[in-house]
C-alpha atoms as a PDB file:
ATOM      1  CA  MET A   1     245.903-108.544 -31.091  1.00  0.00           C
ATOM      2  CA  SER A   2     248.121-107.205 -33.828  1.00  0.00           C
ATOM      3  CA  ASN A   3     247.607-104.477 -36.357  1.00  0.00           C
ATOM      4  CA  GLN A   4     244.175-103.300 -35.222  1.00  0.00           C
ATOM      5  CA  ARG A   5     242.215-100.986 -37.474  1.00  0.00           C
ATOM      6  CA  THR A   6     238.592-100.251 -38.318  1.00  0.00           C
ATOM      7  CA  HIS A   7     236.391-100.860 -41.332  1.00  0.00           C
ATOM      8  CA  TYR A   8     233.170 -98.972 -42.112  1.00  0.00           C
ATOM      9  CA  VAL A   9     230.427 -99.344 -44.688  1.00  0.00           C
ATOM     10  CA  THR A  10     227.219 -97.443 -45.335  1.00  0.00           C
ATOM     11  CA  THR A  11     224.144 -99.611 -45.804  1.00  0.00           C
ATOM     12  CA  THR A  12     221.432 -99.196 -48.398  1.00  0.00           C
ATOM     13  CA  ASP A  13     219.314 -97.271 -45.840  1.00  0.00           C
ATOM     14  CA  GLY A  14     222.146 -94.993 -44.786  1.00  0.00           C
ATOM     15  CA  VAL A  15     223.323 -96.648 -41.528  1.00  0.00           C
ATOM     16  CA  THR A  16     227.043 -96.948 -40.799  1.00  0.00           C
ATOM     17  CA  ILE A  17     228.169-100.465 -39.943  1.00  0.00           C
ATOM     18  CA  GLY A  18     231.584-100.543 -38.349  1.00  0.00           C
ATOM     19  CA  GLY A  19     233.897-103.244 -37.170  1.00  0.00           C
ATOM     20  CA  ALA A  20     237.360-103.596 -35.661  1.00  0.00           C
ATOM     21  CA  VAL A  21     239.779-105.517 -37.841  1.00  0.00           C
ATOM     22  CA  HIS A  22     242.670-107.592 -36.527  1.00  0.00           C
ATOM     23  CA  GLY A  23     245.482-109.594 -38.059  1.00  0.00           C
ATOM     24  CA  GLN A  24     246.763-110.474 -41.498  1.00  0.00           C
ATOM     25  CA  GLY A  25     245.785-113.159 -43.980  1.00  0.00           C
ATOM     26  CA  PRO A  26     242.617-114.310 -45.732  1.00  0.00           C
ATOM     27  CA  PRO A  27     239.485-112.515 -44.371  1.00  0.00           C
ATOM     28  CA  LEU A  28     237.097-113.957 -41.853  1.00  0.00           C
ATOM     29  CA  VAL A  29     234.006-112.035 -40.807  1.00  0.00           C
ATOM     30  CA  PHE A  30     232.630-112.770 -37.326  1.00  0.00           C
ATOM     31  CA  LEU A  31     228.938-112.102 -36.569  1.00  0.00           C
ATOM     32  CA  GLN A  32     227.963-111.388 -32.966  1.00  0.00           C
ATOM     33  CA  GLY A  33     225.318-113.067 -30.880  1.00  0.00           C
ATOM     34  CA  ALA A  34     222.165-111.435 -29.674  1.00  0.00           C
ATOM     35  CA  VAL A  35     223.598-110.053 -26.441  1.00  0.00           C
ATOM     36  CA  GLY A  36     226.894-108.240 -27.065  1.00  0.00           C
ATOM     37  CA  ASP A  37     228.732-106.617 -29.919  1.00  0.00           C
ATOM     38  CA  GLY A  38     231.428-107.725 -32.364  1.00  0.00           C
ATOM     39  CA  ASP A  39     234.308-106.963 -29.980  1.00  0.00           C
ATOM     40  CA  ILE A  40     233.067-108.321 -26.668  1.00  0.00           C
ATOM     41  CA  ASP A  41     231.688-111.493 -28.278  1.00  0.00           C
ATOM     42  CA  TRP A  42     234.737-112.372 -30.349  1.00  0.00           C
ATOM     43  CA  ASN A  43     237.868-110.681 -29.060  1.00  0.00           C
ATOM     44  CA  ARG A  44     238.937-113.702 -26.972  1.00  0.00           C
ATOM     45  CA  VAL A  45     238.668-115.973 -30.006  1.00  0.00           C
ATOM     46  CA  VAL A  46     240.351-113.872 -32.649  1.00  0.00           C
ATOM     47  CA  GLU A  47     243.463-113.249 -30.597  1.00  0.00           C
ATOM     48  CA  HIS A  48     244.296-116.874 -31.444  1.00  0.00           C
ATOM     49  CA  LEU A  49     243.705-116.308 -35.152  1.00  0.00           C
ATOM     50  CA  THR A  50     245.391-113.048 -36.104  1.00  0.00           C
ATOM     51  CA  GLU A  51     248.597-114.649 -37.321  1.00  0.00           C
ATOM     52  CA  ARG A  52     246.686-116.570 -40.010  1.00  0.00           C
ATOM     53  CA  PHE A  53     243.577-114.484 -40.801  1.00  0.00           C
ATOM     54  CA  THR A  54     242.332-110.947 -41.178  1.00  0.00           C
ATOM     55  CA  CYS A  55     239.466-110.969 -38.637  1.00  0.00           C
ATOM     56  CA  HIS A  56     236.593-108.505 -39.076  1.00  0.00           C
ATOM     57  CA  LEU A  57     234.326-107.929 -36.089  1.00  0.00           C
ATOM     58  CA  PRO A  58     231.348-105.860 -37.296  1.00  0.00           C
ATOM     59  CA  SER A  59     228.649-104.934 -34.793  1.00  0.00           C
ATOM     60  CA  GLN A  60     224.943-104.943 -35.625  1.00  0.00           C
ATOM     61  CA  ARG A  61     223.245-101.554 -35.864  1.00  0.00           C
ATOM     62  CA  GLY A  62     222.965 -99.832 -32.472  1.00  0.00           C
ATOM     63  CA  ARG A  63     226.081-101.536 -31.056  1.00  0.00           C
ATOM     64  CA  GLY A  64     229.787-101.144 -31.016  1.00  0.00           C
ATOM     65  CA  LEU A  65     231.082 -98.936 -33.850  1.00  0.00           C
ATOM     66  CA  SER A  66     227.842 -99.098 -35.807  1.00  0.00           C
ATOM     67  CA  GLY A  67     225.159 -96.470 -36.099  1.00  0.00           C
ATOM     68  CA  ASP A  68     221.733 -96.939 -34.653  1.00  0.00           C
ATOM     69  CA  HIS A  69     218.378 -97.496 -36.402  1.00  0.00           C
ATOM     70  CA  PRO A  70     215.034 -98.902 -35.263  1.00  0.00           C
ATOM     71  CA  ASP A  71     214.840-101.516 -38.046  1.00  0.00           C
ATOM     72  CA  LEU A  72     216.471-104.652 -36.680  1.00  0.00           C
ATOM     73  CA  SER A  73     214.540-107.140 -38.793  1.00  0.00           C
ATOM     74  CA  PRO A  74     216.332-110.265 -40.081  1.00  0.00           C
ATOM     75  CA  ALA A  75     216.221-109.036 -43.669  1.00  0.00           C
ATOM     76  CA  ARG A  76     217.735-105.709 -42.704  1.00  0.00           C
ATOM     77  CA  GLN A  77     220.478-107.354 -40.676  1.00  0.00           C
ATOM     78  CA  ALA A  78     221.290-109.601 -43.648  1.00  0.00           C
ATOM     79  CA  ASP A  79     221.504-106.651 -46.015  1.00  0.00           C
ATOM     80  CA  ASP A  80     223.914-104.927 -43.607  1.00  0.00           C
ATOM     81  CA  ILE A  81     226.269-107.894 -43.649  1.00  0.00           C
ATOM     82  CA  LEU A  82     225.972-108.356 -47.403  1.00  0.00           C
ATOM     83  CA  THR A  83     227.062-104.743 -47.825  1.00  0.00           C
ATOM     84  CA  TYR A  84     229.928-105.266 -45.440  1.00  0.00           C
ATOM     85  CA  LEU A  85     231.100-108.415 -47.247  1.00  0.00           C
ATOM     86  CA  ASP A  86     230.923-106.763 -50.616  1.00  0.00           C
ATOM     87  CA  SER A  87     233.194-103.973 -49.397  1.00  0.00           C
ATOM     88  CA  ILE A  88     235.972-106.411 -48.558  1.00  0.00           C
ATOM     89  CA  GLY A  89     236.420-107.154 -52.221  1.00  0.00           C
ATOM     90  CA  GLU A  90     237.522-110.782 -52.027  1.00  0.00           C
ATOM     91  CA  PRO A  91     236.050-114.145 -51.047  1.00  0.00           C
ATOM     92  CA  THR A  92     235.425-114.274 -47.277  1.00  0.00           C
ATOM     93  CA  GLY A  93     234.877-116.865 -44.621  1.00  0.00           C
ATOM     94  CA  LEU A  94     231.866-116.244 -42.401  1.00  0.00           C
ATOM     95  CA  VAL A  95     231.530-117.140 -38.718  1.00  0.00           C
ATOM     96  CA  GLY A  96     228.571-116.515 -36.390  1.00  0.00           C
ATOM     97  CA  TRP A  97     227.600-117.242 -32.831  1.00  0.00           C
ATOM     98  CA  SER A  98     224.033-118.167 -31.807  1.00  0.00           C
ATOM     99  CA  GLY A  99     221.787-115.509 -33.476  1.00  0.00           C
ATOM    100  CA  GLY A 100     224.816-114.473 -35.495  1.00  0.00           C
ATOM    101  CA  ALA A 101     225.089-118.068 -36.673  1.00  0.00           C
ATOM    102  CA  ASN A 102     221.565-117.905 -38.030  1.00  0.00           C
ATOM    103  CA  LEU A 103     222.426-114.639 -39.740  1.00  0.00           C
ATOM    104  CA  ALA A 104     225.591-116.144 -41.261  1.00  0.00           C
ATOM    105  CA  LEU A 105     223.493-118.883 -42.824  1.00  0.00           C
ATOM    106  CA  THR A 106     220.938-116.410 -44.148  1.00  0.00           C
ATOM    107  CA  VAL A 107     223.737-114.321 -45.706  1.00  0.00           C
ATOM    108  CA  ALA A 108     225.522-117.282 -47.179  1.00  0.00           C
ATOM    109  CA  ALA A 109     222.359-118.232 -49.052  1.00  0.00           C
ATOM    110  CA  GLN A 110     222.456-114.880 -50.782  1.00  0.00           C
ATOM    111  CA  SER A 111     226.133-114.160 -51.417  1.00  0.00           C
ATOM    112  CA  ASP A 112     228.710-115.540 -53.800  1.00  0.00           C
ATOM    113  CA  ALA A 113     231.367-113.713 -51.782  1.00  0.00           C
ATOM    114  CA  VAL A 114     231.164-116.288 -48.949  1.00  0.00           C
ATOM    115  CA  HIS A 115     233.524-119.203 -49.623  1.00  0.00           C
ATOM    116  CA  ALA A 116     232.846-121.102 -46.390  1.00  0.00           C
ATOM    117  CA  VAL A 117     230.632-120.774 -43.341  1.00  0.00           C
ATOM    118  CA  ALA A 118     231.125-121.813 -39.680  1.00  0.00           C
ATOM    119  CA  PRO A 119     228.003-121.186 -37.609  1.00  0.00           C
ATOM    120  CA  PHE A 120     228.574-121.948 -33.921  1.00  0.00           C
ATOM    121  CA  GLU A 121     225.385-123.194 -32.345  1.00  0.00           C
ATOM    122  CA  PRO A 122     222.595-121.520 -34.321  1.00  0.00           C
ATOM    123  CA  GLY A 123     219.219-121.576 -32.625  1.00  0.00           C
ATOM    124  CA  ILE A 124     216.177-122.481 -34.701  1.00  0.00           C
ATOM    125  CA  LEU A 125     213.278-121.293 -32.530  1.00  0.00           C
ATOM    126  CA  SER A 126     210.672-123.291 -34.406  1.00  0.00           C
ATOM    127  CA  LEU A 127     212.327-126.488 -33.124  1.00  0.00           C
ATOM    128  CA  MET A 128     211.724-125.653 -29.450  1.00  0.00           C
ATOM    129  CA  ASP A 129     209.501-127.922 -27.399  1.00  0.00           C
ATOM    130  CA  GLU A 130     206.947-126.415 -24.991  1.00  0.00           C
ATOM    131  CA  GLN A 131     209.349-126.429 -22.073  1.00  0.00           C
ATOM    132  CA  GLU A 132     212.071-124.672 -24.025  1.00  0.00           C
ATOM    133  CA  GLN A 133     209.558-122.081 -25.330  1.00  0.00           C
ATOM    134  CA  ALA A 134     208.459-121.377 -21.744  1.00  0.00           C
ATOM    135  CA  ALA A 135     212.011-121.098 -20.520  1.00  0.00           C
ATOM    136  CA  LEU A 136     212.858-118.588 -23.242  1.00  0.00           C
ATOM    137  CA  GLY A 137     209.662-116.644 -22.697  1.00  0.00           C
ATOM    138  CA  ASN A 138     210.397-116.391 -19.014  1.00  0.00           C
ATOM    139  CA  ALA A 139     213.987-115.256 -19.669  1.00  0.00           C
ATOM    140  CA  VAL A 140     212.869-112.531 -22.039  1.00  0.00           C
ATOM    141  CA  ALA A 141     210.134-111.350 -19.674  1.00  0.00           C
ATOM    142  CA  ARG A 142     212.589-111.153 -16.750  1.00  0.00           C
ATOM    143  CA  THR A 143     215.055-109.329 -18.952  1.00  0.00           C
ATOM    144  CA  GLY A 144     212.449-106.660 -19.725  1.00  0.00           C
ATOM    145  CA  GLU A 145     211.478-106.270 -16.068  1.00  0.00           C
ATOM    146  CA  LEU A 146     215.095-105.750 -14.942  1.00  0.00           C
ATOM    147  CA  ALA A 147     215.802-103.372 -17.821  1.00  0.00           C
ATOM    148  CA  ALA A 148     212.769-101.298 -16.871  1.00  0.00           C
ATOM    149  CA  ASP A 149     214.239-101.001 -13.351  1.00  0.00           C
ATOM    150  CA  GLY A 150     217.575 -99.843 -14.781  1.00  0.00           C
ATOM    151  CA  ARG A 151     219.356-103.040 -13.743  1.00  0.00           C
ATOM    152  CA  LEU A 152     221.038-103.509 -17.070  1.00  0.00           C
ATOM    153  CA  ALA A 153     223.719-106.069 -16.268  1.00  0.00           C
ATOM    154  CA  ALA A 154     221.178-108.140 -14.303  1.00  0.00           C
ATOM    155  CA  ALA A 155     218.874-107.995 -17.308  1.00  0.00           C
ATOM    156  CA  VAL A 156     221.553-109.419 -19.636  1.00  0.00           C
ATOM    157  CA  ARG A 157     222.301-112.084 -17.066  1.00  0.00           C
ATOM    158  CA  ALA A 158     218.621-113.028 -16.874  1.00  0.00           C
ATOM    159  CA  PHE A 159     218.523-113.553 -20.676  1.00  0.00           C
ATOM    160  CA  ALA A 160     221.747-115.508 -20.657  1.00  0.00           C
ATOM    161  CA  ARG A 161     220.251-118.041 -18.231  1.00  0.00           C
ATOM    162  CA  PHE A 162     218.426-119.556 -21.185  1.00  0.00           C
ATOM    163  CA  PRO A 163     221.453-120.522 -23.362  1.00  0.00           C
ATOM    164  CA  PHE A 164     224.211-120.679 -20.713  1.00  0.00           C
ATOM    165  CA  ASN A 165     224.671-123.223 -17.900  1.00  0.00           C
ATOM    166  CA  ASP A 166     225.703-122.163 -14.412  1.00  0.00           C
ATOM    167  CA  GLU A 167     229.423-122.588 -14.997  1.00  0.00           C
ATOM    168  CA  GLU A 168     229.220-120.505 -18.166  1.00  0.00           C
ATOM    169  CA  LEU A 169     227.277-117.778 -16.313  1.00  0.00           C
ATOM    170  CA  ALA A 170     230.016-117.655 -13.695  1.00  0.00           C
ATOM    171  CA  VAL A 171     232.794-117.319 -16.316  1.00  0.00           C
ATOM    172  CA  ALA A 172     230.868-114.623 -18.191  1.00  0.00           C
ATOM    173  CA  GLU A 173     230.270-112.770 -14.913  1.00  0.00           C
ATOM    174  CA  ASP A 174     233.971-112.877 -13.988  1.00  0.00           C
ATOM    175  CA  ALA A 175     234.907-111.646 -17.466  1.00  0.00           C
ATOM    176  CA  GLY A 176     232.669-108.621 -17.083  1.00  0.00           C
ATOM    177  CA  TYR A 177     230.575-109.738 -20.079  1.00  0.00           C
ATOM    178  CA  PHE A 178     227.221-108.844 -18.551  1.00  0.00           C
ATOM    179  CA  GLU A 179     228.380-105.388 -17.437  1.00  0.00           C
ATOM    180  CA  ALA A 180     229.813-104.688 -20.892  1.00  0.00           C
ATOM    181  CA  ALA A 181     226.656-105.823 -22.688  1.00  0.00           C
ATOM    182  CA  GLY A 182     224.261-104.085 -20.341  1.00  0.00           C
ATOM    183  CA  ARG A 183     224.195-100.955 -22.502  1.00  0.00           C
ATOM    184  CA  TYR A 184     222.630-102.988 -25.326  1.00  0.00           C
ATOM    185  CA  VAL A 185     219.608-104.341 -23.413  1.00  0.00           C
ATOM    186  CA  THR A 186     217.003-102.115 -25.115  1.00  0.00           C
ATOM    187  CA  ASN A 187     218.523-103.081 -28.491  1.00  0.00           C
ATOM    188  CA  LEU A 188     218.455-106.739 -27.508  1.00  0.00           C
ATOM    189  CA  LEU A 189     214.763-106.640 -26.605  1.00  0.00           C
ATOM    190  CA  ASN A 190     213.898-104.840 -29.860  1.00  0.00           C
ATOM    191  CA  PHE A 191     216.002-107.334 -31.827  1.00  0.00           C
ATOM    192  CA  LEU A 192     214.163-110.286 -30.219  1.00  0.00           C
ATOM    193  CA  GLN A 193     210.757-108.768 -30.799  1.00  0.00           C
ATOM    194  CA  GLN A 194     211.446-108.140 -34.501  1.00  0.00           C
ATOM    195  CA  ALA A 195     212.999-111.568 -34.958  1.00  0.00           C
ATOM    196  CA  MET A 196     209.853-113.184 -33.576  1.00  0.00           C
ATOM    197  CA  GLU A 197     207.571-110.926 -35.648  1.00  0.00           C
ATOM    198  CA  HIS A 198     209.372-111.518 -38.973  1.00  0.00           C
ATOM    199  CA  GLY A 199     210.433-115.116 -38.537  1.00  0.00           C
ATOM    200  CA  ASP A 200     213.892-116.613 -39.032  1.00  0.00           C
ATOM    201  CA  PRO A 201     215.067-117.194 -42.637  1.00  0.00           C
ATOM    202  CA  ALA A 202     217.607-119.725 -41.371  1.00  0.00           C
ATOM    203  CA  ALA A 203     214.737-121.986 -40.250  1.00  0.00           C
ATOM    204  CA  ASP A 204     213.511-122.283 -43.840  1.00  0.00           C
ATOM    205  CA  PRO A 205     214.822-125.400 -45.585  1.00  0.00           C
ATOM    206  CA  THR A 206     214.610-123.560 -48.905  1.00  0.00           C
ATOM    207  CA  VAL A 207     217.017-120.893 -47.612  1.00  0.00           C
ATOM    208  CA  LEU A 208     219.378-123.500 -46.186  1.00  0.00           C
ATOM    209  CA  GLY A 209     219.198-125.490 -49.434  1.00  0.00           C
ATOM    210  CA  ALA A 210     220.399-122.461 -51.369  1.00  0.00           C
ATOM    211  CA  ILE A 211     223.761-122.381 -49.554  1.00  0.00           C
ATOM    212  CA  SER A 212     226.439-123.677 -51.935  1.00  0.00           C
ATOM    213  CA  ALA A 213     229.513-122.914 -49.767  1.00  0.00           C
ATOM    214  CA  PRO A 214     230.903-125.598 -47.448  1.00  0.00           C
ATOM    215  CA  VAL A 215     229.386-125.326 -43.938  1.00  0.00           C
ATOM    216  CA  ALA A 216     230.830-126.610 -40.673  1.00  0.00           C
ATOM    217  CA  VAL A 217     228.125-126.415 -38.004  1.00  0.00           C
ATOM    218  CA  LEU A 218     230.173-126.041 -34.802  1.00  0.00           C
ATOM    219  CA  LEU A 219     228.557-127.559 -31.720  1.00  0.00           C
ATOM    220  CA  GLY A 220     229.687-127.952 -28.110  1.00  0.00           C
ATOM    221  CA  SER A 221     229.431-131.467 -26.680  1.00  0.00           C
ATOM    222  CA  ASP A 222     228.038-130.035 -23.404  1.00  0.00           C
ATOM    223  CA  THR A 223     225.464-127.687 -24.852  1.00  0.00           C
ATOM    224  CA  LYS A 224     221.706-127.789 -24.332  1.00  0.00           C
ATOM    225  CA  PRO A 225     219.524-130.116 -26.372  1.00  0.00           C
ATOM    226  CA  PHE A 226     217.896-127.187 -28.296  1.00  0.00           C
ATOM    227  CA  PHE A 227     221.200-126.248 -29.912  1.00  0.00           C
ATOM    228  CA  THR A 228     221.981-129.863 -30.754  1.00  0.00           C
ATOM    229  CA  ALA A 229     218.626-130.148 -32.521  1.00  0.00           C
ATOM    230  CA  SER A 230     219.229-126.858 -34.321  1.00  0.00           C
ATOM    231  CA  ALA A 231     222.655-127.976 -35.539  1.00  0.00           C
ATOM    232  CA  ARG A 232     221.177-131.214 -36.910  1.00  0.00           C
ATOM    233  CA  HIS A 233     218.442-129.266 -38.691  1.00  0.00           C
ATOM    234  CA  VAL A 234     221.006-127.133 -40.450  1.00  0.00           C
ATOM    235  CA  ALA A 235     223.220-130.091 -41.352  1.00  0.00           C
ATOM    236  CA  ASP A 236     220.239-131.965 -42.724  1.00  0.00           C
ATOM    237  CA  HIS A 237     219.201-129.147 -45.054  1.00  0.00           C
ATOM    238  CA  VAL A 238     222.426-127.533 -46.227  1.00  0.00           C
ATOM    239  CA  PRO A 239     223.799-129.542 -49.209  1.00  0.00           C
ATOM    240  CA  ASN A 240     227.491-129.334 -48.237  1.00  0.00           C
ATOM    241  CA  ALA A 241     227.323-129.256 -44.420  1.00  0.00           C
ATOM    242  CA  ARG A 242     228.722-131.319 -41.608  1.00  0.00           C
ATOM    243  CA  ILE A 243     228.627-131.044 -37.805  1.00  0.00           C
ATOM    244  CA  HIS A 244     231.901-130.493 -36.002  1.00  0.00           C
ATOM    245  CA  GLU A 245     231.537-131.201 -32.276  1.00  0.00           C
ATOM    246  CA  ILE A 246     233.964-129.489 -29.908  1.00  0.00           C
ATOM    247  CA  PRO A 247     234.538-131.576 -26.763  1.00  0.00           C
ATOM    248  CA  GLY A 248     233.845-130.111 -23.325  1.00  0.00           C
ATOM    249  CA  VAL A 249     232.215-126.819 -24.353  1.00  0.00           C
ATOM    250  CA  GLY A 250     228.770-125.351 -24.237  1.00  0.00           C
ATOM    251  CA  HIS A 251     226.989-122.416 -25.819  1.00  0.00           C
ATOM    252  CA  ALA A 252     229.243-119.812 -24.241  1.00  0.00           C
ATOM    253  CA  ALA A 253     232.437-121.246 -25.844  1.00  0.00           C
ATOM    254  CA  PRO A 254     233.527-117.883 -27.328  1.00  0.00           C
ATOM    255  CA  LEU A 255     233.844-116.715 -23.721  1.00  0.00           C
ATOM    256  CA  THR A 256     234.793-119.919 -21.864  1.00  0.00           C
ATOM    257  CA  HIS A 257     236.894-121.868 -24.398  1.00  0.00           C
ATOM    258  CA  PRO A 258     238.110-119.367 -27.053  1.00  0.00           C
ATOM    259  CA  LYS A 259     241.240-121.320 -27.897  1.00  0.00           C
ATOM    260  CA  ALA A 260     239.348-124.541 -28.577  1.00  0.00           C
ATOM    261  CA  LEU A 261     236.873-122.658 -30.803  1.00  0.00           C
ATOM    262  CA  ALA A 262     239.725-120.920 -32.649  1.00  0.00           C
ATOM    263  CA  GLU A 263     241.399-124.244 -33.267  1.00  0.00           C
ATOM    264  CA  ALA A 264     238.151-125.627 -34.798  1.00  0.00           C
ATOM    265  CA  LEU A 265     237.862-122.537 -37.020  1.00  0.00           C
ATOM    266  CA  THR A 266     241.453-122.891 -38.177  1.00  0.00           C
ATOM    267  CA  GLU A 267     240.961-126.538 -39.000  1.00  0.00           C
ATOM    268  CA  PHE A 268     237.966-125.668 -41.143  1.00  0.00           C
ATOM    269  CA  PHE A 269     239.010-122.444 -42.810  1.00  0.00           C
ATOM    270  CA  ALA A 270     242.760-122.946 -43.373  1.00  0.00           C
ATOM    271  CA  PRO A 271     242.399-125.874 -45.878  1.00  0.00           C
ATOM    272  CA  ALA A 272     239.774-123.763 -47.715  1.00  0.00           C
ATOM    273  CA  GLN A 273     242.425-121.119 -48.269  1.00  0.00           C
ATOM    274  CA  GLN A 274     244.798-123.430 -50.154  1.00  0.00           C
ATOM    275  CA  PRO A 275     244.868-123.104 -53.924  1.00  0.00           C
ATOM    276  CA  ALA A 276     243.128-125.850 -55.897  1.00  0.00           C
END
């Protein structure tokens, strides 16, 4: 990736949020999923985008280039990204994966700096059926057990069994994703606990209805039913939203099909950059 540099901001509670920055062109900010950090979640995708966009990869507090803090609540995370966006100083596209997609929607409802949003497979927990709730609960419990035993990569893998299919797990394993993300297991468990305690703003139709920017809800054709239902929920409640299905991919597309995801992002964001 060309012309790499870093960008830092200080949040309203004094935490440093840092992100690698790659490329040249109109800015896009990429929000990580629950497991990794800005770099390991998005570096495979943005290498296909750096000739057209300036790609910012901020990490949530406690990960990557960012400072740590025990407050990982949804409101706090949103404020961190709002601060980061304001520091860029120009209208910005916003991309998020999974939990980061939920965060992107929450932020877009609060910021005039976001000119377009592309959430890839947000997950609205309140839409889960009993079987899906049990599967997620079992995954989180197993993650905690393995983390307590010091088996950090195995703990991340246990959590990933909920959103990923077997083929995606194998690709992520071969890419070293679970090993790289293992150092964040404690942060992941704290993040999940606080998300469940505080609730998800992106599940609220009022929040979604406040988004004025165009939204392309990106969805893999081979993903699990929960993410399909979540995408439909978002598209039904955001005034200017549509679903863009990417053929042949599942929830792990940033790892397994980065070029296809990058092409979908270019198709959405490039026309938005043209003058009226």
